[in-house]
Amino acid sequence: MGERPVHPFSDLHVEGDHVRATLLHDPTVEGLDMAIYIDGSGSMEDEYAPRVEVRGGFWKRLFGGGERIELPNVVTPEVQRMLAYLATKDRNGKLRTAYWACGKGGQEVEMLGELTGDDVSRYEFKGPRVAGGSTRLVPAIRDFVEYMRGAVRSGARQGCAVIVTDGHIHDEDEVIQLSREIGQRIARGQMARVNFVLVGVGDSINEEQLEHIAHVETPGVGHLWCHRVAHEMKEIPELVAVLVDENMTVAAGGTIYDHRGNVLKVYEGRLPAVLEFEVPEGTESFVLEVNGQRFEQPLPEEHHGEHHDEDEDHH
């Protein structure tokens, strides 16, 4: 009789001594804390402006007699969609949400609060109080890292910040340096794993710059950043969903042990969604250790039962 997969596994196949275990496509059990940072620089002001639609017949619209309906700006519905999706990934369904690149020097972060995905329709994103005169990313990174310190004390095990921008980032060198420092601190075990999803939108994006940032890599940790470019705001929620699923549905690194505590396989960097490894004869179960948590998965009885029968034959 085969063993059923137990959390966090969704599928288990054992053939001989080869094991293939598929992880659930949901990271919430790993204590993921998510955040959204929306570009608040001056170049976004048109995106935050409300839209007006004139409804009525052709002649009414032509001569100004139609009904003028004020619609949300192009940002609000897309951020609402992102919130609704990302809240399903967050450990408590609340996302730290803020504008970044705000204020005269573009170095301020304006908090909107811990927003939930329960009723996203009540949230409006009309832009920051003071649009930024420059697009500086370091303050947003520091804000999230500091936030994660407190989140870890309340149960978070890893973090992911989604950052939306529409223009050139003016502190690229500082971003790369800070990313290296964060990676080293994670590698030394001084802070929880964090990832950053950087989404550029529009025609003013410097994709080469986003690639430079995303290529920063730390030994034993791998890449902290991933990026994509969207042509329009309405493309962002789908892009973000894909990036988060690819990068955060499974944790960063892990170790497989047999039931005796022997190491069977070590994964550095991002843990794949499908784990494949060999187990010794007589292995009754394996353990996946990730982010300080241990998950035990029994193996089918027929796998280790044969070896027990052989042992009995020797007596």
C-alpha atoms as a PDB file:
ATOM      1  CA  MET A   1       0.000   0.000   0.000  1.00  0.00           C
ATOM      2  CA  GLY A   2       1.489   3.375  -1.047  1.00  0.00           C
ATOM      3  CA  GLU A   3       2.076   6.325   1.218  1.00  0.00           C
ATOM      4  CA  ARG A   4       0.103   9.475   0.609  1.00  0.00           C
ATOM      5  CA  PRO A   5       2.045  12.706   0.214  1.00  0.00           C
ATOM      6  CA  VAL A   6       1.992  14.838   3.345  1.00  0.00           C
ATOM      7  CA  HIS A   7       2.355  18.584   3.575  1.00  0.00           C
ATOM      8  CA  PRO A   8       4.218  20.303   1.927  1.00  0.00           C
ATOM      9  CA  PHE A   9       4.274  17.624  -0.793  1.00  0.00           C
ATOM     10  CA  SER A  10       1.521  17.244  -3.363  1.00  0.00           C
ATOM     11  CA  ASP A  11       2.805  14.179  -5.214  1.00  0.00           C
ATOM     12  CA  LEU A  12       5.184  11.300  -4.478  1.00  0.00           C
ATOM     13  CA  HIS A  13       6.638   8.685  -6.828  1.00  0.00           C
ATOM     14  CA  VAL A  14       9.110   5.987  -5.777  1.00  0.00           C
ATOM     15  CA  GLU A  15      10.697   3.653  -8.307  1.00  0.00           C
ATOM     16  CA  GLY A  16      13.390   1.409  -6.908  1.00  0.00           C
ATOM     17  CA  ASP A  17      15.667   3.686  -4.930  1.00  0.00           C
ATOM     18  CA  HIS A  18      14.707   6.807  -6.899  1.00  0.00           C
ATOM     19  CA  VAL A  19      12.305   9.268  -5.274  1.00  0.00           C
ATOM     20  CA  ARG A  20      10.447  12.057  -7.071  1.00  0.00           C
ATOM     21  CA  ALA A  21       8.560  14.393  -4.716  1.00  0.00           C
ATOM     22  CA  THR A  22       6.590  17.427  -5.896  1.00  0.00           C
ATOM     23  CA  LEU A  23       6.103  20.381  -3.579  1.00  0.00           C
ATOM     24  CA  LEU A  24       2.797  22.181  -3.221  1.00  0.00           C
ATOM     25  CA  HIS A  25       2.574  25.326  -5.314  1.00  0.00           C
ATOM     26  CA  ASP A  26       1.918  27.517  -2.282  1.00  0.00           C
ATOM     27  CA  PRO A  27       4.525  29.045   0.033  1.00  0.00           C
ATOM     28  CA  THR A  28       2.313  30.324   2.839  1.00  0.00           C
ATOM     29  CA  VAL A  29       3.292  27.511   5.196  1.00  0.00           C
ATOM     30  CA  GLU A  30       6.880  28.651   4.947  1.00  0.00           C
ATOM     31  CA  GLY A  31       5.943  31.928   6.616  1.00  0.00           C
ATOM     32  CA  LEU A  32       6.140  34.221   3.593  1.00  0.00           C
ATOM     33  CA  ASP A  33       5.645  37.932   4.268  1.00  0.00           C
ATOM     34  CA  MET A  34       4.873  40.025   1.188  1.00  0.00           C
ATOM     35  CA  ALA A  35       4.939  43.733   0.369  1.00  0.00           C
ATOM     36  CA  ILE A  36       4.150  46.007  -2.584  1.00  0.00           C
ATOM     37  CA  TYR A  37       6.061  49.203  -3.334  1.00  0.00           C
ATOM     38  CA  ILE A  38       4.557  51.404  -6.063  1.00  0.00           C
ATOM     39  CA  ASP A  39       6.586  54.038  -7.900  1.00  0.00           C
ATOM     40  CA  GLY A  40       5.746  57.491  -6.545  1.00  0.00           C
ATOM     41  CA  SER A  41       8.102  59.509  -8.744  1.00  0.00           C
ATOM     42  CA  GLY A  42       6.944  62.444 -10.830  1.00  0.00           C
ATOM     43  CA  SER A  43       6.961  60.408 -14.035  1.00  0.00           C
ATOM     44  CA  MET A  44       3.981  58.440 -12.687  1.00  0.00           C
ATOM     45  CA  GLU A  45       1.713  61.456 -12.186  1.00  0.00           C
ATOM     46  CA  ASP A  46      -0.222  60.861 -15.422  1.00  0.00           C
ATOM     47  CA  GLU A  47      -0.857  57.254 -14.357  1.00  0.00           C
ATOM     48  CA  TYR A  48      -2.366  58.418 -11.052  1.00  0.00           C
ATOM     49  CA  ALA A  49      -4.623  61.014 -12.698  1.00  0.00           C
ATOM     50  CA  PRO A  50      -8.347  60.092 -12.704  1.00  0.00           C
ATOM     51  CA  ARG A  51      -9.905  59.264 -16.050  1.00  0.00           C
ATOM     52  CA  VAL A  52     -13.113  60.862 -17.310  1.00  0.00           C
ATOM     53  CA  GLU A  53     -15.401  59.074 -19.742  1.00  0.00           C
ATOM     54  CA  VAL A  54     -18.260  60.807 -21.535  1.00  0.00           C
ATOM     55  CA  ARG A  55     -21.247  58.508 -22.020  1.00  0.00           C
ATOM     56  CA  GLY A  56     -24.206  59.083 -24.328  1.00  0.00           C
ATOM     57  CA  GLY A  57     -24.940  59.181 -28.038  1.00  0.00           C
ATOM     58  CA  PHE A  58     -22.522  60.474 -30.674  1.00  0.00           C
ATOM     59  CA  TRP A  59     -24.086  63.953 -30.879  1.00  0.00           C
ATOM     60  CA  LYS A  60     -24.212  64.340 -27.113  1.00  0.00           C
ATOM     61  CA  ARG A  61     -20.546  63.434 -26.822  1.00  0.00           C
ATOM     62  CA  LEU A  62     -19.666  65.740 -29.726  1.00  0.00           C
ATOM     63  CA  PHE A  63     -21.459  68.800 -28.291  1.00  0.00           C
ATOM     64  CA  GLY A  64     -20.714  68.131 -24.636  1.00  0.00           C
ATOM     65  CA  GLY A  65     -24.133  66.894 -23.603  1.00  0.00           C
ATOM     66  CA  GLY A  66     -23.108  63.398 -22.570  1.00  0.00           C
ATOM     67  CA  GLU A  67     -22.814  62.169 -18.994  1.00  0.00           C
ATOM     68  CA  ARG A  68     -19.286  62.584 -17.597  1.00  0.00           C
ATOM     69  CA  ILE A  69     -18.252  59.569 -15.536  1.00  0.00           C
ATOM     70  CA  GLU A  70     -15.069  59.679 -13.425  1.00  0.00           C
ATOM     71  CA  LEU A  71     -13.239  56.346 -13.515  1.00  0.00           C
ATOM     72  CA  PRO A  72     -10.347  55.118 -11.363  1.00  0.00           C
ATOM     73  CA  ASN A  73      -6.872  55.899 -12.616  1.00  0.00           C
ATOM     74  CA  VAL A  74      -5.024  53.143 -14.477  1.00  0.00           C
ATOM     75  CA  VAL A  75      -2.995  52.229 -11.379  1.00  0.00           C
ATOM     76  CA  THR A  76      -5.822  51.437  -8.954  1.00  0.00           C
ATOM     77  CA  PRO A  77      -7.449  48.395 -10.624  1.00  0.00           C
ATOM     78  CA  GLU A  78      -4.086  46.753 -11.365  1.00  0.00           C
ATOM     79  CA  VAL A  79      -2.742  47.193  -7.835  1.00  0.00           C
ATOM     80  CA  GLN A  80      -6.065  45.883  -6.518  1.00  0.00           C
ATOM     81  CA  ARG A  81      -5.609  42.737  -8.634  1.00  0.00           C
ATOM     82  CA  MET A  82      -2.051  42.305  -7.395  1.00  0.00           C
ATOM     83  CA  LEU A  83      -3.143  42.700  -3.797  1.00  0.00           C
ATOM     84  CA  ALA A  84      -5.910  40.117  -4.164  1.00  0.00           C
ATOM     85  CA  TYR A  85      -3.491  37.555  -5.582  1.00  0.00           C
ATOM     86  CA  LEU A  86      -0.471  38.206  -3.366  1.00  0.00           C
ATOM     87  CA  ALA A  87      -2.604  38.150  -0.214  1.00  0.00           C
ATOM     88  CA  THR A  88      -3.228  34.454  -0.896  1.00  0.00           C
ATOM     89  CA  LYS A  89       0.542  33.895  -0.673  1.00  0.00           C
ATOM     90  CA  ASP A  90       1.150  35.952   2.458  1.00  0.00           C
ATOM     91  CA  ARG A  91       1.281  34.198   5.830  1.00  0.00           C
ATOM     92  CA  ASN A  92      -1.429  36.426   7.358  1.00  0.00           C
ATOM     93  CA  GLY A  93      -3.074  37.843   4.233  1.00  0.00           C
ATOM     94  CA  LYS A  94      -1.788  41.368   4.964  1.00  0.00           C
ATOM     95  CA  LEU A  95       0.646  43.139   2.663  1.00  0.00           C
ATOM     96  CA  ARG A  96       2.878  46.056   3.570  1.00  0.00           C
ATOM     97  CA  THR A  97       1.933  48.581   0.882  1.00  0.00           C
ATOM     98  CA  ALA A  98       3.732  51.832   0.134  1.00  0.00           C
ATOM     99  CA  TYR A  99       4.740  54.381  -2.472  1.00  0.00           C
ATOM    100  CA  TRP A 100       8.480  54.714  -3.007  1.00  0.00           C
ATOM    101  CA  ALA A 101      10.634  57.370  -4.712  1.00  0.00           C
ATOM    102  CA  CYS A 102       8.497  60.077  -3.095  1.00  0.00           C
ATOM    103  CA  GLY A 103       9.400  63.577  -1.954  1.00  0.00           C
ATOM    104  CA  LYS A 104      11.614  66.239  -3.464  1.00  0.00           C
ATOM    105  CA  GLY A 105      14.726  64.046  -3.615  1.00  0.00           C
ATOM    106  CA  GLY A 106      12.859  60.823  -4.402  1.00  0.00           C
ATOM    107  CA  GLN A 107      14.188  59.211  -1.230  1.00  0.00           C
ATOM    108  CA  GLU A 108      11.013  58.977   0.821  1.00  0.00           C
ATOM    109  CA  VAL A 109       8.748  55.962   1.344  1.00  0.00           C
ATOM    110  CA  GLU A 110       5.098  56.802   2.001  1.00  0.00           C
ATOM    111  CA  MET A 111       3.284  54.030   3.827  1.00  0.00           C
ATOM    112  CA  LEU A 112      -0.286  53.111   2.900  1.00  0.00           C
ATOM    113  CA  GLY A 113      -0.545  50.416   5.575  1.00  0.00           C
ATOM    114  CA  GLU A 114      -0.990  46.677   5.964  1.00  0.00           C
ATOM    115  CA  LEU A 115      -3.634  45.995   3.317  1.00  0.00           C
ATOM    116  CA  THR A 116      -5.593  42.754   3.015  1.00  0.00           C
ATOM    117  CA  GLY A 117      -6.930  41.021  -0.058  1.00  0.00           C
ATOM    118  CA  ASP A 118     -10.408  40.561   1.427  1.00  0.00           C
ATOM    119  CA  ASP A 119     -11.984  43.671  -0.027  1.00  0.00           C
ATOM    120  CA  VAL A 120      -9.540  45.259  -2.451  1.00  0.00           C
ATOM    121  CA  SER A 121     -12.276  47.330  -4.081  1.00  0.00           C
ATOM    122  CA  ARG A 122     -12.174  49.794  -1.184  1.00  0.00           C
ATOM    123  CA  TYR A 123      -8.561  50.741  -1.823  1.00  0.00           C
ATOM    124  CA  GLU A 124      -7.710  53.627  -4.123  1.00  0.00           C
ATOM    125  CA  PHE A 125      -4.189  54.415  -5.257  1.00  0.00           C
ATOM    126  CA  LYS A 126      -4.160  58.100  -6.184  1.00  0.00           C
ATOM    127  CA  GLY A 127      -0.420  58.612  -5.812  1.00  0.00           C
ATOM    128  CA  PRO A 128       1.808  59.974  -3.028  1.00  0.00           C
ATOM    129  CA  ARG A 129       1.332  63.307  -1.290  1.00  0.00           C
ATOM    130  CA  VAL A 130       4.558  64.604  -2.873  1.00  0.00           C
ATOM    131  CA  ALA A 131       5.742  63.004  -6.099  1.00  0.00           C
ATOM    132  CA  GLY A 132       9.442  62.240  -6.200  1.00  0.00           C
ATOM    133  CA  GLY A 133      11.887  64.402  -8.107  1.00  0.00           C
ATOM    134  CA  SER A 134      14.149  61.377  -8.530  1.00  0.00           C
ATOM    135  CA  THR A 135      13.735  57.594  -8.587  1.00  0.00           C
ATOM    136  CA  ARG A 136      15.805  56.172  -5.732  1.00  0.00           C
ATOM    137  CA  LEU A 137      15.274  52.541  -4.821  1.00  0.00           C
ATOM    138  CA  VAL A 138      17.601  52.066  -1.838  1.00  0.00           C
ATOM    139  CA  PRO A 139      15.160  53.587   0.715  1.00  0.00           C
ATOM    140  CA  ALA A 140      12.448  51.086  -0.309  1.00  0.00           C
ATOM    141  CA  ILE A 141      14.879  48.169   0.043  1.00  0.00           C
ATOM    142  CA  ARG A 142      15.974  49.373   3.483  1.00  0.00           C
ATOM    143  CA  ASP A 143      12.340  49.850   4.505  1.00  0.00           C
ATOM    144  CA  PHE A 144      11.491  46.246   3.636  1.00  0.00           C
ATOM    145  CA  VAL A 145      14.596  44.813   5.313  1.00  0.00           C
ATOM    146  CA  GLU A 146      13.787  46.744   8.504  1.00  0.00           C
ATOM    147  CA  TYR A 147      10.152  45.633   8.307  1.00  0.00           C
ATOM    148  CA  MET A 148      11.269  41.997   8.015  1.00  0.00           C
ATOM    149  CA  ARG A 149      13.235  42.245  11.265  1.00  0.00           C
ATOM    150  CA  GLY A 150       9.995  42.769  13.156  1.00  0.00           C
ATOM    151  CA  ALA A 151       8.072  40.296  11.001  1.00  0.00           C
ATOM    152  CA  VAL A 152      10.538  37.515  11.850  1.00  0.00           C
ATOM    153  CA  ARG A 153       9.864  38.070  15.543  1.00  0.00           C
ATOM    154  CA  SER A 154       6.181  37.424  14.877  1.00  0.00           C
ATOM    155  CA  GLY A 155       6.692  34.270  12.797  1.00  0.00           C
ATOM    156  CA  ALA A 156       7.838  35.267   9.298  1.00  0.00           C
ATOM    157  CA  ARG A 157      10.484  33.002   7.777  1.00  0.00           C
ATOM    158  CA  GLN A 158      11.054  34.716   4.441  1.00  0.00           C
ATOM    159  CA  GLY A 159       9.998  37.872   2.640  1.00  0.00           C
ATOM    160  CA  CYS A 160       9.216  39.030  -0.866  1.00  0.00           C
ATOM    161  CA  ALA A 161       8.767  42.641  -1.982  1.00  0.00           C
ATOM    162  CA  VAL A 162       7.149  43.478  -5.324  1.00  0.00           C
ATOM    163  CA  ILE A 163       8.484  46.795  -6.647  1.00  0.00           C
ATOM    164  CA  VAL A 164       6.795  48.569  -9.566  1.00  0.00           C
ATOM    165  CA  THR A 165       8.642  51.291 -11.498  1.00  0.00           C
ATOM    166  CA  ASP A 166       8.083  53.210 -14.718  1.00  0.00           C
ATOM    167  CA  GLY A 167      11.452  54.847 -15.283  1.00  0.00           C
ATOM    168  CA  HIS A 168      15.197  54.950 -14.825  1.00  0.00           C
ATOM    169  CA  ILE A 169      16.493  54.080 -11.344  1.00  0.00           C
ATOM    170  CA  HIS A 170      18.945  56.779 -10.280  1.00  0.00           C
ATOM    171  CA  ASP A 171      20.832  54.879  -7.557  1.00  0.00           C
ATOM    172  CA  GLU A 172      21.641  51.664  -9.416  1.00  0.00           C
ATOM    173  CA  ASP A 173      25.186  51.332  -8.009  1.00  0.00           C
ATOM    174  CA  GLU A 174      23.948  51.741  -4.433  1.00  0.00           C
ATOM    175  CA  VAL A 175      21.169  49.206  -5.064  1.00  0.00           C
ATOM    176  CA  ILE A 176      23.697  46.638  -6.289  1.00  0.00           C
ATOM    177  CA  GLN A 177      26.019  47.261  -3.330  1.00  0.00           C
ATOM    178  CA  LEU A 178      23.164  47.000  -0.806  1.00  0.00           C
ATOM    179  CA  SER A 179      21.913  43.811  -2.488  1.00  0.00           C
ATOM    180  CA  ARG A 180      25.342  42.231  -2.061  1.00  0.00           C
ATOM    181  CA  GLU A 181      25.399  43.213   1.611  1.00  0.00           C
ATOM    182  CA  ILE A 182      21.927  41.719   2.155  1.00  0.00           C
ATOM    183  CA  GLY A 183      22.938  38.509   0.381  1.00  0.00           C
ATOM    184  CA  GLN A 184      26.008  38.172   2.614  1.00  0.00           C
ATOM    185  CA  ARG A 185      23.931  38.697   5.749  1.00  0.00           C
ATOM    186  CA  ILE A 186      21.479  36.007   4.614  1.00  0.00           C
ATOM    187  CA  ALA A 187      24.363  33.628   3.847  1.00  0.00           C
ATOM    188  CA  ARG A 188      25.774  34.192   7.346  1.00  0.00           C
ATOM    189  CA  GLY A 189      22.374  33.469   8.895  1.00  0.00           C
ATOM    190  CA  GLN A 190      22.045  37.024  10.213  1.00  0.00           C
ATOM    191  CA  MET A 191      18.682  37.687   8.578  1.00  0.00           C
ATOM    192  CA  ALA A 192      15.776  35.865   6.959  1.00  0.00           C
ATOM    193  CA  ARG A 193      15.753  35.176   3.243  1.00  0.00           C
ATOM    194  CA  VAL A 194      14.292  38.029   1.190  1.00  0.00           C
ATOM    195  CA  ASN A 195      13.542  38.310  -2.518  1.00  0.00           C
ATOM    196  CA  PHE A 196      12.670  41.291  -4.680  1.00  0.00           C
ATOM    197  CA  VAL A 197      10.415  41.209  -7.745  1.00  0.00           C
ATOM    198  CA  LEU A 198      11.149  44.265  -9.911  1.00  0.00           C
ATOM    199  CA  VAL A 199       8.549  45.071 -12.561  1.00  0.00           C
ATOM    200  CA  GLY A 200       9.146  47.855 -15.066  1.00  0.00           C
ATOM    201  CA  VAL A 201       6.199  49.318 -16.939  1.00  0.00           C
ATOM    202  CA  GLY A 202       6.051  51.539 -20.022  1.00  0.00           C
ATOM    203  CA  ASP A 203       8.432  52.696 -22.731  1.00  0.00           C
ATOM    204  CA  SER A 204      10.837  54.633 -20.496  1.00  0.00           C
ATOM    205  CA  ILE A 205      12.187  51.547 -18.745  1.00  0.00           C
ATOM    206  CA  ASN A 206      15.908  50.831 -18.956  1.00  0.00           C
ATOM    207  CA  GLU A 207      15.744  47.042 -19.159  1.00  0.00           C
ATOM    208  CA  GLU A 208      19.518  46.708 -19.259  1.00  0.00           C
ATOM    209  CA  GLN A 209      19.626  48.432 -15.876  1.00  0.00           C
ATOM    210  CA  LEU A 210      17.018  46.049 -14.437  1.00  0.00           C
ATOM    211  CA  GLU A 211      19.094  43.119 -15.702  1.00  0.00           C
ATOM    212  CA  HIS A 212      22.230  44.462 -13.981  1.00  0.00           C
ATOM    213  CA  ILE A 213      20.366  44.577 -10.679  1.00  0.00           C
ATOM    214  CA  ALA A 214      18.804  41.129 -11.180  1.00  0.00           C
ATOM    215  CA  HIS A 215      22.205  39.552 -11.919  1.00  0.00           C
ATOM    216  CA  VAL A 216      23.587  40.245  -8.434  1.00  0.00           C
ATOM    217  CA  GLU A 217      24.348  36.848  -6.911  1.00  0.00           C
ATOM    218  CA  THR A 218      25.654  35.709  -3.530  1.00  0.00           C
ATOM    219  CA  PRO A 219      27.343  32.293  -2.973  1.00  0.00           C
ATOM    220  CA  GLY A 220      24.994  29.949  -1.128  1.00  0.00           C
ATOM    221  CA  VAL A 221      22.074  32.326  -1.584  1.00  0.00           C
ATOM    222  CA  GLY A 222      21.807  32.880  -5.332  1.00  0.00           C
ATOM    223  CA  HIS A 223      19.845  35.776  -6.834  1.00  0.00           C
ATOM    224  CA  LEU A 224      17.755  38.080  -4.662  1.00  0.00           C
ATOM    225  CA  TRP A 225      16.176  39.876  -7.640  1.00  0.00           C
ATOM    226  CA  CYS A 226      14.090  38.897 -10.625  1.00  0.00           C
ATOM    227  CA  HIS A 227      12.579  41.275 -13.155  1.00  0.00           C
ATOM    228  CA  ARG A 228      10.190  41.632 -16.073  1.00  0.00           C
ATOM    229  CA  VAL A 229       8.984  44.528 -18.219  1.00  0.00           C
ATOM    230  CA  ALA A 230       5.304  45.242 -18.934  1.00  0.00           C
ATOM    231  CA  HIS A 231       4.213  47.527 -21.756  1.00  0.00           C
ATOM    232  CA  GLU A 232       1.068  48.631 -19.911  1.00  0.00           C
ATOM    233  CA  MET A 233      -0.163  48.686 -16.318  1.00  0.00           C
ATOM    234  CA  LYS A 234      -2.811  46.064 -17.088  1.00  0.00           C
ATOM    235  CA  GLU A 235      -0.085  43.495 -17.833  1.00  0.00           C
ATOM    236  CA  ILE A 236       1.526  43.803 -14.398  1.00  0.00           C
ATOM    237  CA  PRO A 237      -0.709  41.522 -12.254  1.00  0.00           C
ATOM    238  CA  GLU A 238      -0.138  38.508 -14.534  1.00  0.00           C
ATOM    239  CA  LEU A 239       3.612  39.158 -14.686  1.00  0.00           C
ATOM    240  CA  VAL A 240       3.839  39.494 -10.919  1.00  0.00           C
ATOM    241  CA  ALA A 241       1.863  36.276 -10.381  1.00  0.00           C
ATOM    242  CA  VAL A 242       4.252  34.347 -12.631  1.00  0.00           C
ATOM    243  CA  LEU A 243       7.370  35.834 -11.022  1.00  0.00           C
ATOM    244  CA  VAL A 244       6.173  35.179  -7.488  1.00  0.00           C
ATOM    245  CA  ASP A 245       5.192  31.609  -8.350  1.00  0.00           C
ATOM    246  CA  GLU A 246       8.555  30.996 -10.013  1.00  0.00           C
ATOM    247  CA  ASN A 247      10.634  32.510  -7.243  1.00  0.00           C
ATOM    248  CA  MET A 248       8.716  32.193  -3.986  1.00  0.00           C
ATOM    249  CA  THR A 249       6.461  29.142  -4.119  1.00  0.00           C
ATOM    250  CA  VAL A 250       9.338  27.115  -2.797  1.00  0.00           C
ATOM    251  CA  ALA A 251      11.961  28.272  -0.367  1.00  0.00           C
ATOM    252  CA  ALA A 252      15.596  29.123  -0.952  1.00  0.00           C
ATOM    253  CA  GLY A 253      17.722  26.041  -0.472  1.00  0.00           C
ATOM    254  CA  GLY A 254      17.138  22.917   1.539  1.00  0.00           C
ATOM    255  CA  THR A 255      18.535  19.554   2.621  1.00  0.00           C
ATOM    256  CA  ILE A 256      17.113  16.037   2.227  1.00  0.00           C
ATOM    257  CA  TYR A 257      17.841  13.463   4.975  1.00  0.00           C
ATOM    258  CA  ASP A 258      16.870   9.823   5.337  1.00  0.00           C
ATOM    259  CA  HIS A 259      15.128   8.611   8.499  1.00  0.00           C
ATOM    260  CA  ARG A 260      18.505   7.878  10.095  1.00  0.00           C
ATOM    261  CA  GLY A 261      19.700  11.466   9.645  1.00  0.00           C
ATOM    262  CA  ASN A 262      22.038  10.834   6.710  1.00  0.00           C
ATOM    263  CA  VAL A 263      22.231  13.647   4.147  1.00  0.00           C
ATOM    264  CA  LEU A 264      20.842  12.472   0.801  1.00  0.00           C
ATOM    265  CA  LYS A 265      20.912  15.723  -1.159  1.00  0.00           C
ATOM    266  CA  VAL A 266      21.674  19.398  -0.615  1.00  0.00           C
ATOM    267  CA  TYR A 267      20.004  22.154  -2.648  1.00  0.00           C
ATOM    268  CA  GLU A 268      21.741  25.532  -2.727  1.00  0.00           C
ATOM    269  CA  GLY A 269      19.972  28.623  -3.985  1.00  0.00           C
ATOM    270  CA  ARG A 270      16.326  28.202  -4.908  1.00  0.00           C
ATOM    271  CA  LEU A 271      14.700  24.876  -4.104  1.00  0.00           C
ATOM    272  CA  PRO A 272      13.052  23.379  -7.206  1.00  0.00           C
ATOM    273  CA  ALA A 273       9.354  22.510  -7.167  1.00  0.00           C
ATOM    274  CA  VAL A 274      10.183  18.870  -7.990  1.00  0.00           C
ATOM    275  CA  LEU A 275      12.773  17.091  -5.838  1.00  0.00           C
ATOM    276  CA  GLU A 276      14.540  14.012  -7.226  1.00  0.00           C
ATOM    277  CA  PHE A 277      17.069  11.964  -5.278  1.00  0.00           C
ATOM    278  CA  GLU A 278      18.231   8.414  -4.453  1.00  0.00           C
ATOM    279  CA  VAL A 279      17.560   6.713  -1.114  1.00  0.00           C
ATOM    280  CA  PRO A 280      19.496   3.807   0.450  1.00  0.00           C
ATOM    281  CA  GLU A 281      17.919   0.380   0.830  1.00  0.00           C
ATOM    282  CA  GLY A 282      15.607   0.121   3.784  1.00  0.00           C
ATOM    283  CA  THR A 283      14.810   3.843   3.928  1.00  0.00           C
ATOM    284  CA  GLU A 284      11.460   4.276   5.669  1.00  0.00           C
ATOM    285  CA  SER A 285      11.053   8.025   5.157  1.00  0.00           C
ATOM    286  CA  PHE A 286      12.905  11.170   4.172  1.00  0.00           C
ATOM    287  CA  VAL A 287      13.006  14.607   5.735  1.00  0.00           C
ATOM    288  CA  LEU A 288      13.127  17.937   3.919  1.00  0.00           C
ATOM    289  CA  GLU A 289      14.724  20.631   6.049  1.00  0.00           C
ATOM    290  CA  VAL A 290      14.148  24.170   4.821  1.00  0.00           C
ATOM    291  CA  ASN A 291      14.213  27.538   6.578  1.00  0.00           C
ATOM    292  CA  GLY A 292      14.701  25.807   9.937  1.00  0.00           C
ATOM    293  CA  GLN A 293      11.600  23.631   9.492  1.00  0.00           C
ATOM    294  CA  ARG A 294      11.617  19.870   9.003  1.00  0.00           C
ATOM    295  CA  PHE A 295       8.976  18.020   6.980  1.00  0.00           C
ATOM    296  CA  GLU A 296       8.930  14.218   7.113  1.00  0.00           C
ATOM    297  CA  GLN A 297       7.486  12.167   4.258  1.00  0.00           C
ATOM    298  CA  PRO A 298       7.030   8.399   4.808  1.00  0.00           C
ATOM    299  CA  LEU A 299       7.915   6.179   1.862  1.00  0.00           C
ATOM    300  CA  PRO A 300       5.615   3.362   0.636  1.00  0.00           C
ATOM    301  CA  GLU A 301       5.822   0.229   2.756  1.00  0.00           C
ATOM    302  CA  GLU A 302       6.689  -1.926  -0.227  1.00  0.00           C
ATOM    303  CA  HIS A 303       9.816   0.155  -0.712  1.00  0.00           C
ATOM    304  CA  HIS A 304      11.330  -0.640   2.670  1.00  0.00           C
ATOM    305  CA  GLY A 305       9.278  -3.731   3.459  1.00  0.00           C
ATOM    306  CA  GLU A 306      11.256  -5.892   1.012  1.00  0.00           C
ATOM    307  CA  HIS A 307      14.429  -5.148   2.877  1.00  0.00           C
ATOM    308  CA  HIS A 308      12.853  -6.037   6.223  1.00  0.00           C
ATOM    309  CA  ASP A 309      11.879  -9.444   4.740  1.00  0.00           C
ATOM    310  CA  GLU A 310      15.465 -10.013   3.646  1.00  0.00           C
ATOM    311  CA  ASP A 311      16.660  -9.239   7.176  1.00  0.00           C
ATOM    312  CA  GLU A 312      14.223 -11.786   8.591  1.00  0.00           C
ATOM    313  CA  ASP A 313      15.552 -14.458   6.181  1.00  0.00           C
ATOM    314  CA  HIS A 314      18.988 -14.141   7.752  1.00  0.00           C
ATOM    315  CA  HIS A 315      17.662 -15.094  11.202  1.00  0.00           C
END
